Amino acid sequence: MKRSLLLGGVLLAGLAGLLLPLPAAAAPQLANATFAGGCFWCMEHPFDSLPGVVSVTAGYTGGTKDHPTYEQVSSGGTGHAEAVNVVYDPAKITYQKLLDVFWHNIDPVAANRQFCDVGSQYRSAIFVHDEAQKQAAETSKQELQKRFKQPIATQVAAASTFWPAEGYHQHYYKTNPVRYKFYRFGCGRDQRLADLWGKAPE
């Protein structure tokens, strides 16, 4: 009798152990990467399609005015550049990969302009969030310089406040595909990218 009670107790204790709640999976440690490459409409799609990228937001950064509007930034008076902020999972995609996609979607030798858009608000820039990003960006820029005779005009600068653009600018390539394609073609973006890189943009 005592033996059966003992065995039953051991069995129940084992079952209780199986019923204990499992520890919650640790949330992924996400990171930010911020890039300016001219019209932010054209910079969302290349990052949106990458595995490991959680979100891409069009906006303004690098200037002095708080809560800037599109009209203020596009006039060139705020110091901001049109940019995209990429939230990504470093366990699934590296910052180096994001840099590679960035370079292949801009004209790195164009100063204060990108394709048909002219002005400092359309400058190309890598806004770094920490020392590791800064070192990676500077190294990739130095490596890229070996490819071009003209100096690389893309800035590497410390990230500052990123101001999301108005809602109608977000994922414009999805919400207004016809106008987006017309703008992109009319601006000569893909033609210039093919000249620079010898292939379609990534």
N, C-alpha and C. Protein backbone atom coordinates (compact mmCIF):
# COMPACT_ATOMS: atom_id res chain seq x y z
N MET A 1 0.84 -1.20 0.00
CA MET A 1 0.00 0.00 0.00
C MET A 1 0.87 1.25 0.00
N LYS A 2 1.86 1.28 0.91
CA LYS A 2 2.75 2.44 0.97
C LYS A 2 3.53 2.60 -0.33
N ARG A 3 3.92 1.41 -0.90
CA ARG A 3 4.69 1.47 -2.15
C ARG A 3 3.86 2.10 -3.28
N SER A 4 2.60 1.73 -3.39
CA SER A 4 1.75 2.27 -4.45
C SER A 4 1.52 3.76 -4.26
N LEU A 5 1.37 4.21 -3.01
CA LEU A 5 1.19 5.65 -2.77
C LEU A 5 2.44 6.42 -3.15
N LEU A 6 3.59 5.81 -2.85
CA LEU A 6 4.85 6.48 -3.17
C LEU A 6 5.01 6.62 -4.67
N LEU A 7 4.73 5.53 -5.38
CA LEU A 7 4.86 5.57 -6.84
C LEU A 7 3.87 6.56 -7.45
N GLY A 8 2.66 6.60 -6.88
CA GLY A 8 1.66 7.54 -7.37
C GLY A 8 2.09 8.97 -7.16
N GLY A 9 2.72 9.21 -6.01
CA GLY A 9 3.20 10.56 -5.73
C GLY A 9 4.28 10.99 -6.69
N VAL A 10 5.20 10.05 -6.99
CA VAL A 10 6.27 10.35 -7.95
C VAL A 10 5.68 10.64 -9.32
N LEU A 11 4.68 9.84 -9.71
CA LEU A 11 4.05 10.03 -11.02
C LEU A 11 3.36 11.39 -11.10
N LEU A 12 2.63 11.73 -10.03
CA LEU A 12 1.94 13.03 -10.03
C LEU A 12 2.93 14.18 -10.05
N ALA A 13 4.02 14.03 -9.33
CA ALA A 13 5.04 15.08 -9.31
C ALA A 13 5.63 15.26 -10.70
N GLY A 14 5.85 14.13 -11.39
CA GLY A 14 6.38 14.21 -12.75
C GLY A 14 5.42 14.90 -13.69
N LEU A 15 4.14 14.55 -13.59
CA LEU A 15 3.13 15.20 -14.44
C LEU A 15 3.03 16.68 -14.15
N ALA A 16 3.12 17.05 -12.87
CA ALA A 16 3.06 18.47 -12.51
C ALA A 16 4.21 19.22 -13.15
N GLY A 17 5.38 18.58 -13.19
CA GLY A 17 6.52 19.22 -13.82
C GLY A 17 6.28 19.46 -15.29
N LEU A 18 5.61 18.50 -15.94
CA LEU A 18 5.31 18.65 -17.37
C LEU A 18 4.31 19.77 -17.62
N LEU A 19 3.46 20.03 -16.64
CA LEU A 19 2.41 21.03 -16.81
C LEU A 19 2.87 22.44 -16.48
N LEU A 20 4.08 22.61 -15.97
CA LEU A 20 4.57 23.95 -15.66
C LEU A 20 4.68 24.77 -16.94
N PRO A 21 4.32 26.05 -16.89
CA PRO A 21 4.40 26.89 -18.11
C PRO A 21 5.83 27.02 -18.61
N LEU A 22 5.99 26.93 -19.92
CA LEU A 22 7.31 27.08 -20.52
C LEU A 22 7.72 28.55 -20.48
N PRO A 23 9.01 28.82 -20.34
CA PRO A 23 9.45 30.23 -20.35
C PRO A 23 9.15 30.87 -21.70
N ALA A 24 8.73 32.12 -21.64
CA ALA A 24 8.39 32.84 -22.87
C ALA A 24 9.65 33.03 -23.72
N ALA A 25 9.47 32.93 -25.03
CA ALA A 25 10.60 33.15 -25.93
C ALA A 25 11.05 34.59 -25.85
N ALA A 26 12.34 34.79 -25.85
CA ALA A 26 12.87 36.15 -25.76
C ALA A 26 12.51 36.93 -27.02
N ALA A 27 12.08 38.16 -26.83
CA ALA A 27 11.73 39.01 -27.97
C ALA A 27 13.01 39.32 -28.76
N PRO A 28 12.91 39.37 -30.09
CA PRO A 28 14.11 39.68 -30.88
C PRO A 28 14.63 41.07 -30.57
N GLN A 29 15.94 41.21 -30.56
CA GLN A 29 16.57 42.50 -30.32
C GLN A 29 16.67 43.24 -31.66
N LEU A 30 15.79 44.19 -31.88
CA LEU A 30 15.74 44.89 -33.15
C LEU A 30 16.69 46.09 -33.15
N ALA A 31 17.07 46.51 -34.34
CA ALA A 31 17.98 47.65 -34.50
C ALA A 31 17.43 48.58 -35.58
N ASN A 32 17.96 49.79 -35.61
CA ASN A 32 17.57 50.80 -36.60
C ASN A 32 18.72 51.09 -37.54
N ALA A 33 18.39 51.32 -38.80
CA ALA A 33 19.35 51.79 -39.79
C ALA A 33 18.66 52.90 -40.57
N THR A 34 19.35 54.00 -40.78
CA THR A 34 18.73 55.16 -41.43
C THR A 34 19.56 55.59 -42.63
N PHE A 35 18.88 55.69 -43.78
CA PHE A 35 19.56 56.01 -45.03
C PHE A 35 18.80 57.10 -45.79
N ALA A 36 19.57 58.00 -46.41
CA ALA A 36 19.00 59.00 -47.31
C ALA A 36 19.54 58.72 -48.71
N GLY A 37 18.63 58.60 -49.65
CA GLY A 37 19.06 58.30 -51.03
C GLY A 37 18.19 58.99 -52.05
N GLY A 38 17.93 60.28 -51.81
CA GLY A 38 17.04 60.99 -52.71
C GLY A 38 15.60 60.75 -52.33
N CYS A 39 14.73 60.73 -53.30
CA CYS A 39 13.30 60.55 -53.06
C CYS A 39 13.03 59.32 -52.20
N PHE A 40 12.39 59.54 -51.05
CA PHE A 40 12.18 58.41 -50.15
C PHE A 40 11.18 57.40 -50.69
N TRP A 41 10.34 57.81 -51.65
CA TRP A 41 9.45 56.83 -52.29
C TRP A 41 10.25 55.66 -52.86
N CYS A 42 11.39 56.01 -53.46
CA CYS A 42 12.18 55.01 -54.18
C CYS A 42 13.10 54.20 -53.28
N MET A 43 13.21 54.61 -52.02
CA MET A 43 14.12 53.90 -51.11
C MET A 43 13.40 52.92 -50.19
N GLU A 44 12.08 52.96 -50.16
CA GLU A 44 11.34 52.03 -49.30
C GLU A 44 11.36 50.61 -49.85
N HIS A 45 11.00 50.46 -51.11
CA HIS A 45 10.82 49.13 -51.68
C HIS A 45 12.07 48.24 -51.59
N PRO A 46 13.28 48.73 -51.88
CA PRO A 46 14.46 47.86 -51.81
C PRO A 46 14.65 47.21 -50.43
N PHE A 47 14.29 47.93 -49.36
CA PHE A 47 14.45 47.39 -48.02
C PHE A 47 13.23 46.59 -47.58
N ASP A 48 12.05 47.02 -48.02
CA ASP A 48 10.81 46.32 -47.66
C ASP A 48 10.86 44.85 -48.02
N SER A 49 11.51 44.54 -49.12
CA SER A 49 11.48 43.18 -49.65
C SER A 49 12.52 42.26 -49.02
N LEU A 50 13.31 42.74 -48.08
CA LEU A 50 14.40 41.95 -47.51
C LEU A 50 13.94 41.12 -46.31
N PRO A 51 14.23 39.82 -46.29
CA PRO A 51 13.95 39.01 -45.09
C PRO A 51 14.74 39.56 -43.90
N GLY A 52 14.08 39.70 -42.77
CA GLY A 52 14.75 40.24 -41.59
C GLY A 52 14.45 41.70 -41.35
N VAL A 53 13.90 42.38 -42.35
CA VAL A 53 13.48 43.77 -42.17
C VAL A 53 12.06 43.78 -41.62
N VAL A 54 11.86 44.46 -40.51
CA VAL A 54 10.57 44.49 -39.83
C VAL A 54 9.69 45.61 -40.36
N SER A 55 10.27 46.78 -40.59
CA SER A 55 9.50 47.91 -41.10
C SER A 55 10.41 48.92 -41.77
N VAL A 56 9.83 49.68 -42.69
CA VAL A 56 10.54 50.77 -43.36
C VAL A 56 9.62 52.00 -43.33
N THR A 57 10.14 53.10 -42.82
CA THR A 57 9.35 54.32 -42.69
C THR A 57 10.02 55.45 -43.44
N ALA A 58 9.26 56.15 -44.26
CA ALA A 58 9.76 57.34 -44.96
C ALA A 58 9.68 58.53 -44.02
N GLY A 59 10.70 59.39 -44.08
CA GLY A 59 10.66 60.56 -43.21
C GLY A 59 11.78 61.53 -43.49
N TYR A 60 12.05 62.36 -42.50
CA TYR A 60 13.03 63.44 -42.64
C TYR A 60 14.00 63.39 -41.45
N THR A 61 15.27 63.65 -41.73
CA THR A 61 16.26 63.67 -40.66
C THR A 61 17.49 64.45 -41.10
N GLY A 62 18.34 64.78 -40.13
CA GLY A 62 19.59 65.46 -40.44
C GLY A 62 19.50 66.97 -40.44
N GLY A 63 18.33 67.52 -40.09
CA GLY A 63 18.15 68.97 -40.11
C GLY A 63 17.93 69.55 -38.73
N THR A 64 17.37 70.74 -38.69
CA THR A 64 17.25 71.47 -37.43
C THR A 64 15.81 71.73 -37.01
N LYS A 65 14.87 71.59 -37.90
CA LYS A 65 13.48 71.95 -37.59
C LYS A 65 12.71 70.77 -37.02
N ASP A 66 12.01 71.00 -35.92
CA ASP A 66 11.17 69.97 -35.34
C ASP A 66 9.88 69.84 -36.13
N HIS A 67 9.39 68.61 -36.21
CA HIS A 67 8.13 68.31 -36.87
C HIS A 67 8.02 68.95 -38.26
N PRO A 68 9.00 68.73 -39.11
CA PRO A 68 8.96 69.36 -40.43
C PRO A 68 7.87 68.75 -41.31
N THR A 69 7.36 69.55 -42.22
CA THR A 69 6.38 69.06 -43.19
C THR A 69 7.10 68.80 -44.52
N TYR A 70 6.42 68.09 -45.39
CA TYR A 70 6.99 67.80 -46.70
C TYR A 70 7.29 69.10 -47.45
N GLU A 71 6.37 70.04 -47.38
CA GLU A 71 6.56 71.31 -48.09
C GLU A 71 7.79 72.04 -47.57
N GLN A 72 8.00 72.03 -46.25
CA GLN A 72 9.16 72.71 -45.68
C GLN A 72 10.47 72.02 -46.08
N VAL A 73 10.48 70.70 -46.03
CA VAL A 73 11.70 69.96 -46.37
C VAL A 73 12.01 70.09 -47.86
N SER A 74 11.00 69.95 -48.70
CA SER A 74 11.22 69.98 -50.14
C SER A 74 11.66 71.35 -50.63
N SER A 75 11.39 72.40 -49.82
CA SER A 75 11.84 73.73 -50.19
C SER A 75 13.34 73.92 -49.92
N GLY A 76 13.91 73.00 -49.13
CA GLY A 76 15.35 73.05 -48.86
C GLY A 76 15.76 73.93 -47.70
N GLY A 77 14.80 74.39 -46.90
CA GLY A 77 15.13 75.34 -45.84
C GLY A 77 15.27 74.75 -44.45
N THR A 78 15.13 73.44 -44.30
CA THR A 78 15.17 72.86 -42.95
C THR A 78 16.46 72.13 -42.63
N GLY A 79 17.28 71.87 -43.63
CA GLY A 79 18.49 71.09 -43.42
C GLY A 79 18.25 69.59 -43.41
N HIS A 80 16.98 69.18 -43.42
CA HIS A 80 16.67 67.75 -43.41
C HIS A 80 16.86 67.13 -44.79
N ALA A 81 17.08 65.84 -44.79
CA ALA A 81 17.10 65.06 -46.02
C ALA A 81 15.92 64.09 -46.00
N GLU A 82 15.36 63.83 -47.16
CA GLU A 82 14.38 62.75 -47.26
C GLU A 82 15.13 61.45 -46.98
N ALA A 83 14.57 60.61 -46.13
CA ALA A 83 15.28 59.42 -45.69
C ALA A 83 14.30 58.30 -45.37
N VAL A 84 14.86 57.13 -45.13
CA VAL A 84 14.05 56.00 -44.65
C VAL A 84 14.71 55.44 -43.40
N ASN A 85 13.86 55.07 -42.45
CA ASN A 85 14.35 54.40 -41.25
C ASN A 85 13.95 52.94 -41.33
N VAL A 86 14.94 52.06 -41.25
CA VAL A 86 14.74 50.62 -41.40
C VAL A 86 14.89 49.96 -40.04
N VAL A 87 13.84 49.31 -39.58
CA VAL A 87 13.91 48.51 -38.36
C VAL A 87 14.15 47.06 -38.79
N TYR A 88 15.20 46.45 -38.25
CA TYR A 88 15.56 45.12 -38.70
C TYR A 88 16.01 44.24 -37.55
N ASP A 89 16.03 42.94 -37.83
CA ASP A 89 16.46 41.95 -36.84
C ASP A 89 17.88 41.52 -37.20
N PRO A 90 18.88 41.93 -36.42
CA PRO A 90 20.28 41.58 -36.74
C PRO A 90 20.55 40.08 -36.76
N ALA A 91 19.66 39.30 -36.15
CA ALA A 91 19.83 37.85 -36.18
C ALA A 91 19.46 37.27 -37.53
N LYS A 92 18.74 38.05 -38.34
CA LYS A 92 18.26 37.56 -39.64
C LYS A 92 18.89 38.29 -40.82
N ILE A 93 19.34 39.50 -40.61
CA ILE A 93 19.98 40.26 -41.69
C ILE A 93 21.04 41.16 -41.08
N THR A 94 22.17 41.29 -41.76
CA THR A 94 23.26 42.08 -41.22
C THR A 94 23.18 43.53 -41.67
N TYR A 95 23.82 44.39 -40.90
CA TYR A 95 23.90 45.80 -41.29
C TYR A 95 24.69 45.93 -42.58
N GLN A 96 25.68 45.06 -42.77
CA GLN A 96 26.47 45.09 -44.00
C GLN A 96 25.60 44.84 -45.22
N LYS A 97 24.64 43.94 -45.10
CA LYS A 97 23.71 43.68 -46.20
C LYS A 97 22.86 44.91 -46.50
N LEU A 98 22.41 45.58 -45.46
CA LEU A 98 21.62 46.80 -45.65
C LEU A 98 22.46 47.87 -46.35
N LEU A 99 23.72 47.98 -45.98
CA LEU A 99 24.61 48.93 -46.64
C LEU A 99 24.75 48.61 -48.13
N ASP A 100 24.90 47.34 -48.43
CA ASP A 100 25.06 46.93 -49.82
C ASP A 100 23.82 47.28 -50.64
N VAL A 101 22.66 47.04 -50.09
CA VAL A 101 21.41 47.38 -50.78
C VAL A 101 21.31 48.90 -50.95
N PHE A 102 21.68 49.63 -49.92
CA PHE A 102 21.67 51.09 -50.02
C PHE A 102 22.54 51.58 -51.17
N TRP A 103 23.79 51.16 -51.20
CA TRP A 103 24.71 51.65 -52.24
C TRP A 103 24.18 51.34 -53.64
N HIS A 104 23.60 50.17 -53.83
CA HIS A 104 23.15 49.76 -55.16
C HIS A 104 21.84 50.43 -55.59
N ASN A 105 21.31 51.29 -54.71
CA ASN A 105 20.08 52.00 -55.05
C ASN A 105 20.25 53.51 -55.08
N ILE A 106 21.50 53.97 -55.07
CA ILE A 106 21.76 55.42 -55.14
C ILE A 106 22.87 55.68 -56.15
N ASP A 107 23.07 56.96 -56.42
CA ASP A 107 24.22 57.42 -57.19
C ASP A 107 25.20 58.03 -56.19
N PRO A 108 26.23 57.30 -55.79
CA PRO A 108 27.10 57.75 -54.70
C PRO A 108 28.03 58.91 -55.06
N VAL A 109 28.15 59.22 -56.34
CA VAL A 109 29.05 60.31 -56.72
C VAL A 109 28.30 61.61 -56.98
N ALA A 110 27.00 61.61 -56.79
CA ALA A 110 26.20 62.83 -56.99
C ALA A 110 26.14 63.61 -55.68
N ALA A 111 26.54 64.87 -55.71
CA ALA A 111 26.56 65.70 -54.51
C ALA A 111 25.29 66.56 -54.44
N ASN A 112 24.62 66.50 -53.30
CA ASN A 112 23.41 67.29 -53.06
C ASN A 112 22.37 67.12 -54.15
N ARG A 113 22.23 65.89 -54.60
CA ARG A 113 21.18 65.56 -55.55
C ARG A 113 21.14 64.04 -55.70
N GLN A 114 20.05 63.55 -56.21
CA GLN A 114 19.94 62.16 -56.62
C GLN A 114 19.04 62.13 -57.85
N PHE A 115 19.64 61.74 -58.97
CA PHE A 115 18.90 61.62 -60.22
C PHE A 115 18.29 62.97 -60.60
N CYS A 116 16.98 63.07 -60.77
CA CYS A 116 16.42 64.34 -61.22
C CYS A 116 16.11 65.30 -60.07
N ASP A 117 16.28 64.86 -58.84
CA ASP A 117 15.97 65.70 -57.68
C ASP A 117 17.23 66.41 -57.20
N VAL A 118 17.15 67.74 -57.16
CA VAL A 118 18.33 68.55 -56.85
C VAL A 118 18.12 69.32 -55.55
N GLY A 119 19.17 69.36 -54.73
CA GLY A 119 19.12 70.10 -53.47
C GLY A 119 19.62 69.24 -52.33
N SER A 120 20.05 69.88 -51.25
CA SER A 120 20.61 69.14 -50.12
C SER A 120 19.57 68.22 -49.47
N GLN A 121 18.30 68.53 -49.66
CA GLN A 121 17.25 67.67 -49.11
C GLN A 121 17.20 66.31 -49.82
N TYR A 122 17.89 66.21 -50.95
CA TYR A 122 17.96 64.95 -51.70
C TYR A 122 19.37 64.36 -51.68
N ARG A 123 20.18 64.81 -50.74
CA ARG A 123 21.55 64.29 -50.63
C ARG A 123 21.51 62.83 -50.20
N SER A 124 22.58 62.12 -50.50
CA SER A 124 22.70 60.75 -50.01
C SER A 124 23.50 60.76 -48.72
N ALA A 125 23.06 59.94 -47.77
CA ALA A 125 23.72 59.92 -46.46
C ALA A 125 23.40 58.62 -45.73
N ILE A 126 24.34 58.22 -44.90
CA ILE A 126 24.14 57.10 -43.99
C ILE A 126 24.16 57.69 -42.58
N PHE A 127 23.04 57.62 -41.89
CA PHE A 127 22.94 58.16 -40.54
C PHE A 127 23.14 57.00 -39.56
N VAL A 128 24.28 57.00 -38.88
CA VAL A 128 24.67 55.85 -38.05
C VAL A 128 24.18 56.00 -36.62
N HIS A 129 23.79 54.87 -36.03
CA HIS A 129 23.20 54.88 -34.69
C HIS A 129 24.18 54.47 -33.60
N ASP A 130 25.33 53.93 -33.96
CA ASP A 130 26.32 53.57 -32.95
C ASP A 130 27.69 53.46 -33.63
N GLU A 131 28.70 53.18 -32.82
CA GLU A 131 30.07 53.14 -33.33
C GLU A 131 30.26 51.99 -34.33
N ALA A 132 29.61 50.86 -34.08
CA ALA A 132 29.74 49.73 -35.00
C ALA A 132 29.19 50.08 -36.38
N GLN A 133 28.04 50.75 -36.42
CA GLN A 133 27.48 51.18 -37.70
C GLN A 133 28.40 52.20 -38.37
N LYS A 134 28.97 53.09 -37.59
CA LYS A 134 29.86 54.10 -38.16
C LYS A 134 31.07 53.44 -38.83
N GLN A 135 31.69 52.51 -38.13
CA GLN A 135 32.86 51.83 -38.69
C GLN A 135 32.50 51.06 -39.95
N ALA A 136 31.36 50.37 -39.92
CA ALA A 136 30.92 49.60 -41.09
C ALA A 136 30.62 50.52 -42.27
N ALA A 137 29.97 51.65 -42.00
CA ALA A 137 29.64 52.59 -43.07
C ALA A 137 30.90 53.21 -43.67
N GLU A 138 31.83 53.63 -42.83
CA GLU A 138 33.07 54.24 -43.31
C GLU A 138 33.89 53.23 -44.12
N THR A 139 33.95 51.99 -43.64
CA THR A 139 34.71 50.96 -44.36
C THR A 139 34.09 50.68 -45.72
N SER A 140 32.77 50.57 -45.76
CA SER A 140 32.11 50.29 -47.04
C SER A 140 32.28 51.46 -48.01
N LYS A 141 32.29 52.67 -47.48
CA LYS A 141 32.50 53.85 -48.32
C LYS A 141 33.91 53.85 -48.91
N GLN A 142 34.89 53.50 -48.10
CA GLN A 142 36.27 53.42 -48.57
C GLN A 142 36.44 52.35 -49.64
N GLU A 143 35.78 51.22 -49.44
CA GLU A 143 35.84 50.14 -50.43
C GLU A 143 35.17 50.56 -51.73
N LEU A 144 34.07 51.27 -51.61
CA LEU A 144 33.33 51.71 -52.79
C LEU A 144 34.14 52.72 -53.60
N GLN A 145 34.93 53.54 -52.91
CA GLN A 145 35.71 54.55 -53.60
C GLN A 145 36.67 53.93 -54.62
N LYS A 146 37.10 52.70 -54.38
CA LYS A 146 38.01 52.03 -55.30
C LYS A 146 37.35 51.78 -56.66
N ARG A 147 36.03 51.81 -56.68
CA ARG A 147 35.29 51.52 -57.91
C ARG A 147 35.12 52.76 -58.78
N PHE A 148 35.16 53.95 -58.16
CA PHE A 148 34.86 55.19 -58.87
C PHE A 148 36.05 56.14 -58.88
N LYS A 149 36.19 56.86 -59.97
CA LYS A 149 37.22 57.89 -60.06
C LYS A 149 36.78 59.16 -59.35
N GLN A 150 35.49 59.49 -59.45
CA GLN A 150 34.97 60.65 -58.74
C GLN A 150 34.85 60.35 -57.25
N PRO A 151 34.99 61.37 -56.40
CA PRO A 151 34.87 61.13 -54.96
C PRO A 151 33.44 60.72 -54.58
N ILE A 152 33.34 59.85 -53.61
CA ILE A 152 32.03 59.46 -53.09
C ILE A 152 31.46 60.64 -52.31
N ALA A 153 30.27 61.07 -52.72
CA ALA A 153 29.65 62.25 -52.10
C ALA A 153 28.78 61.89 -50.90
N THR A 154 28.48 60.64 -50.72
CA THR A 154 27.59 60.21 -49.64
C THR A 154 28.19 60.53 -48.28
N GLN A 155 27.41 61.15 -47.42
CA GLN A 155 27.85 61.50 -46.08
C GLN A 155 27.66 60.33 -45.13
N VAL A 156 28.52 60.25 -44.14
CA VAL A 156 28.31 59.37 -42.99
C VAL A 156 28.19 60.30 -41.79
N ALA A 157 27.02 60.31 -41.17
CA ALA A 157 26.75 61.27 -40.09
C ALA A 157 26.01 60.58 -38.95
N ALA A 158 26.11 61.15 -37.77
CA ALA A 158 25.41 60.60 -36.61
C ALA A 158 23.91 60.75 -36.78
N ALA A 159 23.18 59.71 -36.44
CA ALA A 159 21.72 59.76 -36.52
C ALA A 159 21.18 60.77 -35.50
N SER A 160 20.15 61.47 -35.93
CA SER A 160 19.46 62.39 -35.03
C SER A 160 17.96 62.05 -35.10
N THR A 161 17.13 62.92 -34.59
CA THR A 161 15.70 62.64 -34.58
C THR A 161 15.19 62.37 -35.99
N PHE A 162 14.45 61.28 -36.12
CA PHE A 162 13.83 60.92 -37.39
C PHE A 162 12.36 61.27 -37.30
N TRP A 163 11.93 62.13 -38.23
CA TRP A 163 10.54 62.58 -38.25
C TRP A 163 9.79 61.84 -39.36
N PRO A 164 8.85 60.95 -39.02
CA PRO A 164 8.09 60.25 -40.06
C PRO A 164 7.36 61.23 -40.97
N ALA A 165 7.35 60.92 -42.25
CA ALA A 165 6.65 61.77 -43.22
C ALA A 165 5.15 61.56 -43.11
N GLU A 166 4.43 62.41 -43.78
CA GLU A 166 2.98 62.33 -43.80
C GLU A 166 2.52 60.96 -44.32
N GLY A 167 1.34 60.56 -43.89
CA GLY A 167 0.84 59.22 -44.20
C GLY A 167 0.80 58.89 -45.68
N TYR A 168 0.47 59.88 -46.51
CA TYR A 168 0.34 59.58 -47.94
C TYR A 168 1.67 59.28 -48.60
N HIS A 169 2.78 59.58 -47.92
CA HIS A 169 4.10 59.24 -48.47
C HIS A 169 4.53 57.82 -48.13
N GLN A 170 3.92 57.23 -47.12
CA GLN A 170 4.36 55.92 -46.67
C GLN A 170 3.98 54.83 -47.69
N HIS A 171 4.99 54.06 -48.11
CA HIS A 171 4.80 52.96 -49.07
C HIS A 171 4.06 53.43 -50.32
N TYR A 172 4.52 54.55 -50.83
CA TYR A 172 3.88 55.15 -52.00
C TYR A 172 3.90 54.22 -53.19
N TYR A 173 4.94 53.41 -53.28
CA TYR A 173 5.04 52.48 -54.41
C TYR A 173 3.92 51.45 -54.40
N LYS A 174 3.31 51.23 -53.23
CA LYS A 174 2.17 50.31 -53.13
C LYS A 174 0.85 51.03 -53.31
N THR A 175 0.72 52.21 -52.70
CA THR A 175 -0.57 52.91 -52.71
C THR A 175 -0.82 53.66 -54.01
N ASN A 176 0.24 54.06 -54.70
CA ASN A 176 0.11 54.76 -55.97
C ASN A 176 1.09 54.19 -56.99
N PRO A 177 0.94 52.92 -57.35
CA PRO A 177 1.94 52.25 -58.19
C PRO A 177 2.13 52.89 -59.56
N VAL A 178 1.08 53.37 -60.18
CA VAL A 178 1.20 53.95 -61.53
C VAL A 178 1.98 55.25 -61.47
N ARG A 179 1.61 56.14 -60.56
CA ARG A 179 2.31 57.41 -60.43
C ARG A 179 3.76 57.19 -59.99
N TYR A 180 3.95 56.20 -59.12
CA TYR A 180 5.31 55.90 -58.67
C TYR A 180 6.18 55.45 -59.83
N LYS A 181 5.70 54.54 -60.64
CA LYS A 181 6.48 54.04 -61.77
C LYS A 181 6.75 55.14 -62.79
N PHE A 182 5.75 56.00 -63.01
CA PHE A 182 5.93 57.11 -63.94
C PHE A 182 7.01 58.06 -63.44
N TYR A 183 6.96 58.39 -62.14
CA TYR A 183 7.97 59.27 -61.55
C TYR A 183 9.36 58.64 -61.66
N ARG A 184 9.47 57.39 -61.29
CA ARG A 184 10.77 56.71 -61.27
C ARG A 184 11.38 56.66 -62.66
N PHE A 185 10.53 56.36 -63.66
CA PHE A 185 11.03 56.31 -65.03
C PHE A 185 11.40 57.70 -65.51
N GLY A 186 10.53 58.67 -65.26
CA GLY A 186 10.78 60.04 -65.71
C GLY A 186 12.00 60.65 -65.08
N CYS A 187 12.33 60.20 -63.87
CA CYS A 187 13.50 60.73 -63.16
C CYS A 187 14.80 60.08 -63.64
N GLY A 188 14.67 59.03 -64.44
CA GLY A 188 15.87 58.36 -64.97
C GLY A 188 16.62 57.55 -63.94
N ARG A 189 15.94 57.17 -62.88
CA ARG A 189 16.62 56.50 -61.77
C ARG A 189 17.18 55.14 -62.18
N ASP A 190 16.34 54.30 -62.77
CA ASP A 190 16.80 52.96 -63.11
C ASP A 190 17.85 52.96 -64.22
N GLN A 191 17.72 53.90 -65.15
CA GLN A 191 18.72 53.99 -66.21
C GLN A 191 20.09 54.34 -65.63
N ARG A 192 20.12 55.29 -64.71
CA ARG A 192 21.38 55.70 -64.09
C ARG A 192 21.95 54.58 -63.22
N LEU A 193 21.09 53.89 -62.49
CA LEU A 193 21.56 52.79 -61.65
C LEU A 193 22.17 51.68 -62.49
N ALA A 194 21.56 51.42 -63.64
CA ALA A 194 22.12 50.40 -64.54
C ALA A 194 23.49 50.82 -65.06
N ASP A 195 23.64 52.12 -65.35
CA ASP A 195 24.94 52.63 -65.80
C ASP A 195 26.00 52.49 -64.71
N LEU A 196 25.59 52.74 -63.46
CA LEU A 196 26.54 52.71 -62.34
C LEU A 196 26.93 51.30 -61.94
N TRP A 197 25.95 50.42 -61.89
CA TRP A 197 26.16 49.13 -61.28
C TRP A 197 26.11 47.97 -62.27
N GLY A 198 25.68 48.25 -63.48
CA GLY A 198 25.67 47.22 -64.50
C GLY A 198 24.60 46.18 -64.34
N LYS A 199 23.61 46.46 -63.49
CA LYS A 199 22.52 45.53 -63.31
C LYS A 199 21.36 46.28 -62.69
N ALA A 200 20.21 45.61 -62.63
CA ALA A 200 19.04 46.23 -62.03
C ALA A 200 19.29 46.44 -60.53
N PRO A 201 18.71 47.49 -59.93
CA PRO A 201 18.89 47.70 -58.51
C PRO A 201 18.34 46.56 -57.70
N GLU A 202 18.99 46.28 -56.57
CA GLU A 202 18.57 45.17 -55.72
C GLU A 202 17.36 45.57 -54.90
